[in-house]
Protein backbone atom coordinates (compact mmCIF):
# COMPACT_ATOMS: atom_id res chain seq x y z
CA UNK A 1 -80.56 -11.42 -34.37
CA UNK A 2 -83.32 -8.80 -34.07
CA UNK A 3 -85.63 -11.33 -32.46
CA UNK A 4 -82.94 -12.31 -29.96
CA UNK A 5 -82.34 -8.68 -29.01
CA UNK A 6 -86.04 -8.00 -28.56
CA UNK A 7 -86.44 -11.01 -26.29
CA UNK A 8 -83.31 -10.11 -24.30
CA UNK A 9 -84.27 -6.49 -23.77
CA UNK A 10 -87.92 -7.24 -23.02
CA UNK A 11 -86.91 -9.85 -20.45
CA UNK A 12 -84.46 -7.55 -18.70
CA UNK A 13 -86.97 -4.68 -18.76
CA UNK A 14 -89.43 -6.88 -16.87
CA UNK A 15 -86.80 -8.17 -14.47
CA UNK A 16 -85.41 -4.70 -13.96
CA UNK A 17 -88.62 -3.54 -12.34
CA UNK A 18 -87.78 -5.89 -9.48
CA UNK A 19 -84.12 -4.96 -9.11
CA UNK A 20 -83.16 -3.84 -5.61
CA UNK A 21 -80.07 -3.05 -3.62
CA UNK A 22 -79.21 -3.27 0.05
CA UNK A 23 -76.43 -1.27 1.73
CA UNK A 24 -76.10 1.17 -1.16
CA UNK A 25 -74.27 4.46 -0.74
CA UNK A 26 -77.48 6.36 -0.19
CA UNK A 27 -79.64 4.51 -2.68
CA UNK A 28 -77.17 4.54 -5.60
CA UNK A 29 -76.27 1.40 -7.56
CA UNK A 30 -73.05 0.81 -9.51
CA UNK A 31 -73.29 -2.93 -10.26
CA UNK A 32 -73.79 -2.66 -14.03
CA UNK A 33 -71.80 -5.68 -15.27
CA UNK A 34 -69.78 -8.57 -13.88
CA UNK A 35 -66.58 -7.19 -15.39
CA UNK A 36 -67.34 -3.79 -13.89
CA UNK A 37 -68.03 -5.40 -10.50
CA UNK A 38 -64.70 -7.27 -10.54
CA UNK A 39 -62.84 -4.06 -11.43
CA UNK A 40 -64.55 -1.99 -8.73
CA UNK A 41 -66.52 -0.13 -11.39
CA UNK A 42 -63.42 1.17 -13.18
CA UNK A 43 -64.78 1.13 -16.72
CA UNK A 44 -65.07 4.90 -17.11
CA UNK A 45 -61.74 5.28 -18.93
CA UNK A 46 -61.56 1.69 -20.24
CA UNK A 47 -65.17 1.76 -21.56
CA UNK A 48 -64.36 -0.99 -24.06
CA UNK A 49 -67.21 -3.50 -23.76
CA UNK A 50 -71.02 -3.14 -24.20
CA UNK A 51 -71.51 -2.11 -20.53
CA UNK A 52 -69.78 1.16 -21.46
CA UNK A 53 -73.34 2.35 -22.23
CA UNK A 54 -73.78 2.59 -18.43
CA UNK A 55 -70.24 3.49 -17.33
CA UNK A 56 -69.25 5.87 -20.16
CA UNK A 57 -71.20 5.69 -23.45
CA UNK A 58 -68.52 7.65 -25.33
CA UNK A 59 -66.36 4.53 -25.10
CA UNK A 60 -68.63 2.43 -27.35
CA UNK A 61 -66.79 3.98 -30.32
CA UNK A 62 -64.09 1.38 -29.53
CA UNK A 63 -66.50 -1.47 -30.40
CA UNK A 64 -66.77 -2.73 -33.97
CA UNK A 65 -69.97 -4.08 -35.51
CA UNK A 66 -72.83 -5.16 -33.23
CA UNK A 67 -72.38 -6.28 -29.63
CA UNK A 68 -74.84 -7.47 -26.98
CA UNK A 69 -74.46 -8.24 -23.27
CA UNK A 70 -76.83 -9.52 -20.60
CA UNK A 71 -76.48 -10.65 -17.02
CA UNK A 72 -77.16 -9.93 -13.38
CA UNK A 73 -75.70 -9.34 -9.94
CA UNK A 74 -77.08 -11.13 -6.88
CA UNK A 75 -76.63 -9.38 -3.53
CA UNK A 76 -77.00 -11.09 -0.13
CA UNK A 77 -76.89 -8.44 2.65
CA UNK A 78 -76.82 -8.78 6.43
CA UNK A 79 -76.94 -6.25 9.27
CA UNK A 80 -78.39 -5.76 12.74
CA UNK A 81 -79.77 -2.71 14.55
CA UNK A 82 -78.98 -3.05 18.26
CA UNK A 83 -81.53 -1.13 20.35
CA UNK A 84 -80.56 0.44 23.68
CA UNK A 85 -82.75 0.36 26.77
CA UNK A 86 -86.06 -0.91 25.40
CA UNK A 87 -87.50 -2.72 22.40
CA UNK A 88 -86.40 -5.61 20.23
CA UNK A 89 -83.36 -5.43 17.95
CA UNK A 90 -83.85 -5.18 14.21
CA UNK A 91 -82.22 -7.95 12.21
CA UNK A 92 -81.95 -7.59 8.47
CA UNK A 93 -83.77 -10.16 6.38
CA UNK A 94 -81.66 -12.77 4.58
CA UNK A 95 -83.36 -11.88 1.30
CA UNK A 96 -81.13 -11.98 -1.81
CA UNK A 97 -81.66 -9.11 -4.23
CA UNK A 98 -81.15 -9.36 -8.00
CA UNK A 99 -79.96 -6.56 -10.30
CA UNK A 100 -80.13 -7.43 -14.04
CA UNK A 101 -78.51 -5.58 -16.92
CA UNK A 102 -78.56 -5.67 -20.74
CA UNK A 103 -76.73 -3.68 -23.43
CA UNK A 104 -76.72 -3.35 -27.21
CA UNK A 105 -74.21 -1.40 -29.31
CA UNK A 106 -74.24 -0.85 -33.07
CA UNK A 107 -71.55 0.78 -35.21
CA UNK A 108 -73.53 2.78 -37.78
CA UNK A 109 -70.55 4.28 -39.63
CA UNK A 110 -66.88 5.08 -39.18
CA UNK A 111 -67.86 8.02 -36.96
CA UNK A 112 -71.24 7.19 -35.37
CA UNK A 113 -72.45 4.54 -32.91
CA UNK A 114 -75.74 3.72 -31.19
CA UNK A 115 -75.94 2.17 -27.73
CA UNK A 116 -78.88 1.02 -25.61
CA UNK A 117 -78.70 0.07 -21.94
CA UNK A 118 -81.24 -1.36 -19.52
CA UNK A 119 -79.87 -1.25 -15.97
CA UNK A 120 -80.51 0.10 -12.45
CA UNK A 121 -78.87 3.33 -11.26
CA UNK A 122 -80.78 3.49 -7.98
CA UNK A 123 -82.40 0.99 -5.66
CA UNK A 124 -82.94 0.08 -2.04
CA UNK A 125 -83.94 -3.04 -0.14
CA UNK A 126 -84.28 -2.62 3.65
CA UNK A 127 -86.28 -5.40 5.28
CA UNK A 128 -86.43 -6.46 8.95
CA UNK A 129 -87.25 -10.02 9.95
CA UNK A 130 -89.82 -9.22 12.67
CA UNK A 131 -91.60 -6.07 11.60
CA UNK A 132 -94.35 -6.57 14.22
CA UNK A 133 -92.15 -6.25 17.30
CA UNK A 134 -88.87 -4.60 16.39
CA UNK A 135 -88.41 -1.25 18.11
CA UNK A 136 -87.80 0.77 14.95
CA UNK A 137 -91.11 -0.15 13.31
CA UNK A 138 -92.51 3.33 14.02
CA UNK A 139 -89.78 4.72 11.77
CA UNK A 140 -89.50 1.94 9.17
CA UNK A 141 -90.14 -1.78 8.93
CA UNK A 142 -89.61 -2.08 5.17
CA UNK A 143 -88.32 0.27 2.46
CA UNK A 144 -87.92 -0.61 -1.18
CA UNK A 145 -86.90 1.33 -4.28
CA UNK A 146 -87.10 -0.81 -7.41
CA UNK A 147 -85.98 1.02 -10.51
CA UNK A 148 -84.86 0.40 -14.08
CA UNK A 149 -83.35 2.89 -16.52
CA UNK A 150 -83.83 2.56 -20.27
CA UNK A 151 -80.93 4.54 -21.73
CA UNK A 152 -80.40 5.05 -25.52
CA UNK A 153 -77.20 6.88 -26.53
CA UNK A 154 -75.53 8.27 -29.64
CA UNK A 155 -71.73 8.35 -29.67
CA UNK A 156 -69.47 10.10 -32.18
CA UNK A 157 -65.77 10.08 -32.96
CA UNK A 158 -64.69 13.72 -32.99
CA UNK A 159 -61.15 12.64 -33.87
CA UNK A 160 -59.45 9.26 -33.97
CA UNK A 161 -58.64 9.66 -30.26
CA UNK A 162 -61.56 11.70 -28.89
CA UNK A 163 -65.21 10.57 -28.63
CA UNK A 164 -68.38 12.22 -27.35
CA UNK A 165 -71.76 10.73 -26.40
CA UNK A 166 -75.18 12.02 -25.44
CA UNK A 167 -78.07 9.97 -24.11
CA UNK A 168 -81.66 10.06 -22.87
CA UNK A 169 -82.73 8.19 -19.74
CA UNK A 170 -86.23 7.02 -18.85
CA UNK A 171 -86.29 5.80 -15.26
CA UNK A 172 -89.22 3.65 -14.12
CA UNK A 173 -89.62 3.23 -10.37
CA UNK A 174 -91.65 1.33 -7.80
CA UNK A 175 -91.56 2.69 -4.26
CA UNK A 176 -92.59 0.82 -1.11
CA UNK A 177 -92.56 1.92 2.50
CA UNK A 178 -93.99 0.25 5.62
CA UNK A 179 -94.10 1.55 9.18
CA UNK A 180 -96.44 1.66 12.17
CA UNK A 181 -98.22 4.36 14.17
CA UNK A 182 -99.15 4.16 17.85
CA UNK A 183 -102.29 6.34 18.12
CA UNK A 184 -101.57 6.98 21.80
CA UNK A 185 -98.56 9.11 20.82
CA UNK A 186 -100.80 11.45 18.83
CA UNK A 187 -102.07 12.80 22.16
CA UNK A 188 -98.56 13.20 23.59
CA UNK A 189 -97.79 9.77 25.09
CA UNK A 190 -94.29 8.33 24.73
CA UNK A 191 -93.60 5.36 22.46
CA UNK A 192 -93.77 1.97 24.12
CA UNK A 193 -91.43 0.04 21.82
CA UNK A 194 -92.24 -3.27 23.55
CA UNK A 195 -96.01 -3.10 23.05
CA UNK A 196 -97.53 -3.41 19.56
CA UNK A 197 -101.12 -3.90 20.77
CA UNK A 198 -102.20 -0.46 19.56
CA UNK A 199 -100.22 -0.33 16.34
CA UNK A 200 -101.81 0.86 13.12
CA UNK A 201 -99.63 -0.37 10.25
CA UNK A 202 -99.20 1.61 7.04
CA UNK A 203 -98.14 0.09 3.73
CA UNK A 204 -97.45 2.58 0.96
CA UNK A 205 -97.04 1.40 -2.63
CA UNK A 206 -96.45 3.81 -5.51
CA UNK A 207 -95.08 3.88 -9.07
CA UNK A 208 -93.85 6.49 -11.50
CA UNK A 209 -91.34 7.41 -14.18
CA UNK A 210 -89.28 10.48 -15.05
CA UNK A 211 -86.79 11.55 -17.75
CA UNK A 212 -83.13 12.45 -17.51
CA UNK A 213 -80.08 12.80 -19.72
CA UNK A 214 -76.37 12.04 -19.76
CA UNK A 215 -73.19 12.94 -21.61
CA UNK A 216 -69.81 11.22 -21.86
CA UNK A 217 -66.28 11.92 -23.07
CA UNK A 218 -63.53 9.45 -23.90
CA UNK A 219 -59.98 10.38 -24.86
CA UNK A 220 -57.29 7.81 -25.70
CA UNK A 221 -54.13 9.56 -26.92
CA UNK A 222 -52.04 6.38 -26.70
CA UNK A 223 -52.70 2.65 -26.48
CA UNK A 224 -51.38 2.74 -22.90
CA UNK A 225 -53.33 5.80 -21.67
CA UNK A 226 -57.02 6.72 -21.64
CA UNK A 227 -59.29 9.25 -19.91
CA UNK A 228 -63.04 9.19 -19.37
CA UNK A 229 -65.76 11.39 -17.90
CA UNK A 230 -69.52 10.97 -17.59
CA UNK A 231 -72.34 13.16 -16.28
CA UNK A 232 -75.82 11.93 -15.33
CA UNK A 233 -78.43 14.64 -14.79
CA UNK A 234 -80.70 14.92 -11.77
CA UNK A 235 -84.06 13.23 -12.20
CA UNK A 236 -87.04 14.66 -10.32
CA UNK A 237 -89.13 11.60 -9.55
CA UNK A 238 -92.83 11.64 -8.62
CA UNK A 239 -94.60 8.41 -7.74
CA UNK A 240 -98.31 7.85 -7.24
CA UNK A 241 -100.15 4.99 -5.58
CA UNK A 242 -102.06 3.92 -2.49
CA UNK A 243 -101.58 3.87 1.28
CA UNK A 244 -103.08 0.79 2.96
CA UNK A 245 -103.81 0.60 6.71
CA UNK A 246 -104.19 -2.37 9.06
CA UNK A 247 -104.83 -1.99 12.80
CA UNK A 248 -103.96 -4.39 15.61
CA UNK A 249 -106.74 -5.08 18.18
CA UNK A 250 -105.94 -2.09 20.38
CA UNK A 251 -105.58 0.17 17.35
CA UNK A 252 -108.99 -0.86 16.03
CA UNK A 253 -110.58 0.51 19.19
CA UNK A 254 -109.01 3.90 18.52
CA UNK A 255 -110.51 3.91 15.02
CA UNK A 256 -113.89 4.54 16.63
CA UNK A 257 -112.69 8.12 16.91
CA UNK A 258 -113.98 9.92 13.76
CA UNK A 259 -110.75 11.86 13.25
CA UNK A 260 -108.53 8.78 13.44
CA UNK A 261 -110.98 6.79 11.33
CA UNK A 262 -110.79 9.42 8.61
CA UNK A 263 -106.99 9.14 8.66
CA UNK A 264 -106.53 5.36 8.99
CA UNK A 265 -109.94 3.85 8.33
CA UNK A 266 -109.50 2.95 4.65
CA UNK A 267 -106.87 3.00 1.94
CA UNK A 268 -106.09 6.37 0.43
CA UNK A 269 -104.44 7.89 -2.61
CA UNK A 270 -100.78 8.85 -2.11
CA UNK A 271 -98.18 10.85 -4.02
CA UNK A 272 -94.51 11.34 -3.23
CA UNK A 273 -91.55 13.28 -4.61
CA UNK A 274 -87.79 12.80 -4.25
CA UNK A 275 -84.77 13.54 -6.45
CA UNK A 276 -82.45 11.08 -8.14
CA UNK A 277 -79.26 13.13 -7.72
CA UNK A 278 -76.89 14.16 -10.47
CA UNK A 279 -73.47 12.50 -10.58
CA UNK A 280 -70.14 13.16 -12.29
CA UNK A 281 -67.55 10.45 -12.93
CA UNK A 282 -63.88 10.75 -13.82
CA UNK A 283 -61.41 8.00 -14.73
CA UNK A 284 -57.85 7.47 -15.97
CA UNK A 285 -56.44 4.17 -17.25
CA UNK A 286 -52.78 3.25 -17.78
CA UNK A 287 -51.17 0.09 -19.14
CA UNK A 288 -47.74 -0.42 -17.55
CA UNK A 289 -47.32 -3.52 -19.72
CA UNK A 290 -49.10 -4.96 -22.74
CA UNK A 291 -51.05 -7.41 -20.55
CA UNK A 292 -51.78 -5.24 -17.48
CA UNK A 293 -54.13 -2.26 -17.20
CA UNK A 294 -54.86 -0.19 -14.09
CA UNK A 295 -57.63 2.40 -13.71
CA UNK A 296 -58.39 4.91 -10.96
CA UNK A 297 -61.78 6.67 -10.78
CA UNK A 298 -63.62 9.24 -8.67
CA UNK A 299 -67.40 9.73 -8.70
CA UNK A 300 -69.12 12.77 -7.18
CA UNK A 301 -72.83 12.50 -6.33
CA UNK A 302 -74.98 15.54 -5.52
CA UNK A 303 -76.82 13.98 -2.58
CA UNK A 304 -77.37 17.44 -1.06
CA UNK A 305 -80.36 17.72 -3.39
CA UNK A 306 -82.09 15.14 -1.17
CA UNK A 307 -83.32 17.47 1.56
CA UNK A 308 -86.53 15.62 2.43
CA UNK A 309 -88.91 12.86 1.42
CA UNK A 310 -92.43 14.26 1.13
CA UNK A 311 -95.63 12.26 0.73
CA UNK A 312 -99.13 13.58 0.32
CA UNK A 313 -101.74 11.08 1.54
CA UNK A 314 -105.29 12.23 0.88
CA UNK A 315 -106.62 11.01 4.23
CA UNK A 316 -103.97 12.87 6.25
CA UNK A 317 -104.55 16.50 7.29
CA UNK A 318 -101.05 17.54 6.16
CA UNK A 319 -98.12 16.26 4.09
CA UNK A 320 -95.80 13.69 5.66
CA UNK A 321 -92.31 15.18 5.53
CA UNK A 322 -89.21 13.27 6.55
CA UNK A 323 -86.13 15.49 6.78
CA UNK A 324 -83.01 13.98 5.17
CA UNK A 325 -80.51 16.82 4.55
CA UNK A 326 -77.91 14.49 3.04
CA UNK A 327 -74.55 15.84 1.89
CA UNK A 328 -72.57 15.38 -1.33
CA UNK A 329 -70.21 12.40 -1.46
CA UNK A 330 -67.27 10.94 -3.34
CA UNK A 331 -66.75 7.32 -4.36
CA UNK A 332 -63.15 6.26 -5.03
CA UNK A 333 -62.33 3.09 -6.94
CA UNK A 334 -59.32 1.33 -8.40
CA UNK A 335 -59.21 -1.76 -10.60
CA UNK A 336 -56.57 -3.89 -12.31
CA UNK A 337 -56.97 -6.34 -15.19
CA UNK A 338 -54.31 -8.84 -16.27
CA UNK A 339 -54.49 -10.90 -19.47
CA UNK A 340 -53.25 -14.27 -18.22
CA UNK A 341 -53.94 -16.02 -21.52
CA UNK A 342 -55.31 -14.82 -24.83
CA UNK A 343 -58.68 -16.24 -23.76
CA UNK A 344 -58.64 -15.33 -20.03
CA UNK A 345 -58.40 -12.11 -17.97
CA UNK A 346 -57.93 -11.89 -14.20
CA UNK A 347 -59.41 -8.90 -12.38
CA UNK A 348 -59.38 -7.22 -8.96
CA UNK A 349 -60.71 -3.98 -7.52
CA UNK A 350 -61.23 -1.89 -4.41
CA UNK A 351 -63.89 0.73 -3.60
CA UNK A 352 -64.32 3.30 -0.84
CA UNK A 353 -67.81 4.80 -0.83
CA UNK A 354 -68.71 7.75 1.40
CA UNK A 355 -72.13 7.80 3.04
CA UNK A 356 -74.29 10.90 2.46
CA UNK A 357 -76.23 10.42 5.72
CA UNK A 358 -75.49 12.83 8.56
CA UNK A 359 -75.57 11.43 12.12
CA UNK A 360 -78.46 13.63 13.25
CA UNK A 361 -80.66 12.33 10.39
CA UNK A 362 -79.75 8.63 10.47
CA UNK A 363 -82.79 6.36 10.32
CA UNK A 364 -83.82 2.77 9.58
CA UNK A 365 -85.02 3.17 6.00
CA UNK A 366 -81.43 3.60 4.77
CA UNK A 367 -79.27 2.19 7.60
CA UNK A 368 -76.01 3.17 5.97
CA UNK A 369 -72.52 4.49 6.63
CA UNK A 370 -69.19 4.64 4.82
CA UNK A 371 -68.60 1.34 3.05
CA UNK A 372 -65.70 -0.50 1.44
CA UNK A 373 -65.59 -3.29 -1.14
CA UNK A 374 -62.99 -5.74 -2.38
CA UNK A 375 -63.68 -7.31 -5.75
CA UNK A 376 -62.32 -10.10 -7.91
CA UNK A 377 -63.33 -11.89 -11.09
CA UNK A 378 -62.42 -13.53 -14.34
CA UNK A 379 -63.28 -13.01 -18.00
CA UNK A 380 -63.21 -15.80 -20.58
CA UNK A 381 -63.45 -15.51 -24.37
CA UNK A 382 -64.72 -18.26 -26.68
CA UNK A 383 -64.68 -17.08 -30.29
CA UNK A 384 -67.44 -14.45 -30.41
CA UNK A 385 -68.66 -15.19 -26.88
CA UNK A 386 -67.38 -13.67 -23.63
CA UNK A 387 -68.34 -14.83 -20.13
CA UNK A 388 -67.53 -12.61 -17.13
CA UNK A 389 -67.83 -13.71 -13.49
CA UNK A 390 -67.34 -11.63 -10.34
CA UNK A 391 -67.39 -11.85 -6.57
CA UNK A 392 -67.39 -8.86 -4.21
CA UNK A 393 -67.41 -8.50 -0.44
CA UNK A 394 -68.80 -5.30 1.05
CA UNK A 395 -68.49 -4.15 4.63
CA UNK A 396 -69.88 -1.06 6.27
CA UNK A 397 -68.72 1.06 9.18
CA UNK A 398 -70.91 0.85 12.30
CA UNK A 399 -72.95 3.82 13.42
CA UNK A 400 -74.50 5.06 16.67
CA UNK A 401 -78.01 6.42 16.15
CA UNK A 402 -79.22 8.93 18.73
CA UNK A 403 -82.81 8.76 19.92
CA UNK A 404 -85.33 10.93 18.05
CA UNK A 405 -88.73 10.03 19.54
CA UNK A 406 -90.59 12.39 17.19
CA UNK A 407 -89.28 10.25 14.27
CA UNK A 408 -89.91 6.92 16.02
CA UNK A 409 -86.16 6.33 16.43
CA UNK A 410 -84.92 4.87 19.76
CA UNK A 411 -81.28 4.98 20.80
CA UNK A 412 -79.58 2.27 18.78
CA UNK A 413 -76.50 1.16 16.85
CA UNK A 414 -75.99 -0.24 13.36
CA UNK A 415 -73.73 -3.31 13.52
CA UNK A 416 -72.42 -6.02 11.21
CA UNK A 417 -73.31 -4.45 7.88
CA UNK A 418 -71.88 -6.61 5.11
CA UNK A 419 -72.91 -8.09 1.77
CA UNK A 420 -71.80 -10.77 -0.66
CA UNK A 421 -72.22 -9.95 -4.37
CA UNK A 422 -72.01 -12.47 -7.20
CA UNK A 423 -72.20 -11.33 -10.82
CA UNK A 424 -72.33 -12.88 -14.26
CA UNK A 425 -72.47 -11.34 -17.73
CA UNK A 426 -72.53 -12.99 -21.15
CA UNK A 427 -71.57 -11.05 -24.31
CA UNK A 428 -71.73 -11.81 -28.02
CA UNK A 429 -70.09 -9.92 -30.88
CA UNK A 430 -71.66 -10.09 -34.35
C-alpha cells in the first residue's frame, strides 16, 4: 500500500508540473476531481470523498480508514481574436491541456485525520496558431502558467457534527511568456501589425515556489443538511529564469545599435512577481430525499490583489510592468447528485464564473470574460473501488477590446470562446 501511494503521488507530482488551463476565470482552476467537475465543484458542503482535501479538508472526517484517489481532467479550448482594420486574426491553438490530481486520507483516531492533496489551483494556457504574423504578437503570442500544489492537512472532529481543518500549501510554478518587439516603435513609429520583418521575439521562461495555508470548516447537524467553508491564503509568487531573444532579418540589422544590442543581443536573467489571490468558499447541501442531494456554493476570489505583472530583466534599463488592476469576483455553482442504484450515481451541475478583467485592461495573455459551464457525470462503485467520469461544456461571453498601441493591442474582439472538459477519477478505500 505504501509503495502504491508513493508511486501515485510521485507520478502526479511530475505530471502536475505540466498542468495547464485555458479560459480560466482569471487564472484560477477548480477542476480537482471528476465527481467535482460533474457537480459544478459543489463539494464544499458535501466534502465526503478524498478530493475533499482540495474542496474542503474539514470534510475528510467523514471518511473511515485509508482512502486514495487519482485522475485527471482534459481540456480542449477554442477561441478567436478578430482584429479590426489591420493585422491577422489570432486563432487559439487546438492544444488539449491536462490537469491531474491525487489525494490520500488517513483516519488516525476517532477525532483526528490526515489528508494530502496534489492538484492545481492556478494555471493558464494561451497559445495562438500563427505567432509570427498575428496582430497581437506585440502583446502576447503565448502565455503559460503551469502549477502544482502539494497540500498536507490535519482535520479534527470538534464535536460529532462539527469539524475543523488546517493545511499547508507548497505551490510550484513554471511561467512562460512570449511576445515580439518592433524596434522601430522604440523611436516613436506606429506598429505595423502586417509586417514582421523587424520583429525581435522574446521568450521568457521562469520557475519558482512559494508557501501558503488554508483552513476549513464542516458542519452537518442532520443527515439531510450540511454546511462548509474554506479559506485559501494569498501566495506571493516569485519566479526566476531566463529571457531569450531571436531577431528576424530586419531586427538583426537594428541590433548593430549598441543600446539595442545590450537589450536584445543575448539571453538575460529574469525575475518576476505576481500574487496567487486568496479565496473564500461557502457551501450548503440539502437532501430532499434519501437518494437526492443538492448543493449551492459561492466562491469569492480577491483578484484585486493582482494590480500588475512586473518582470526585471537584467539587460533592460527598467522593469517591465504590465498593469492589470483586476477586480474581485464571485463564482456561483449548483450541483445535484442522484443515487440511481446502490452502485451508480448520476450527477449534473451549473457554474457562473465572473471575470476579474476590466475592459480597459483586457489583453491577449488572458483573453477572458464571464463564463458559464454545464456539467454532467456518473459515479460507479465496485466493492472498494469507485470510478467517476465527467463531461463539461464551457462557453464565454464575447468581448470588445479597445486599441492600446502602447501595449501592442490593436482594436479587436474576442469571439467563440468555448471548451470541452473530460474528467476521470479512480478511488480505492482500504
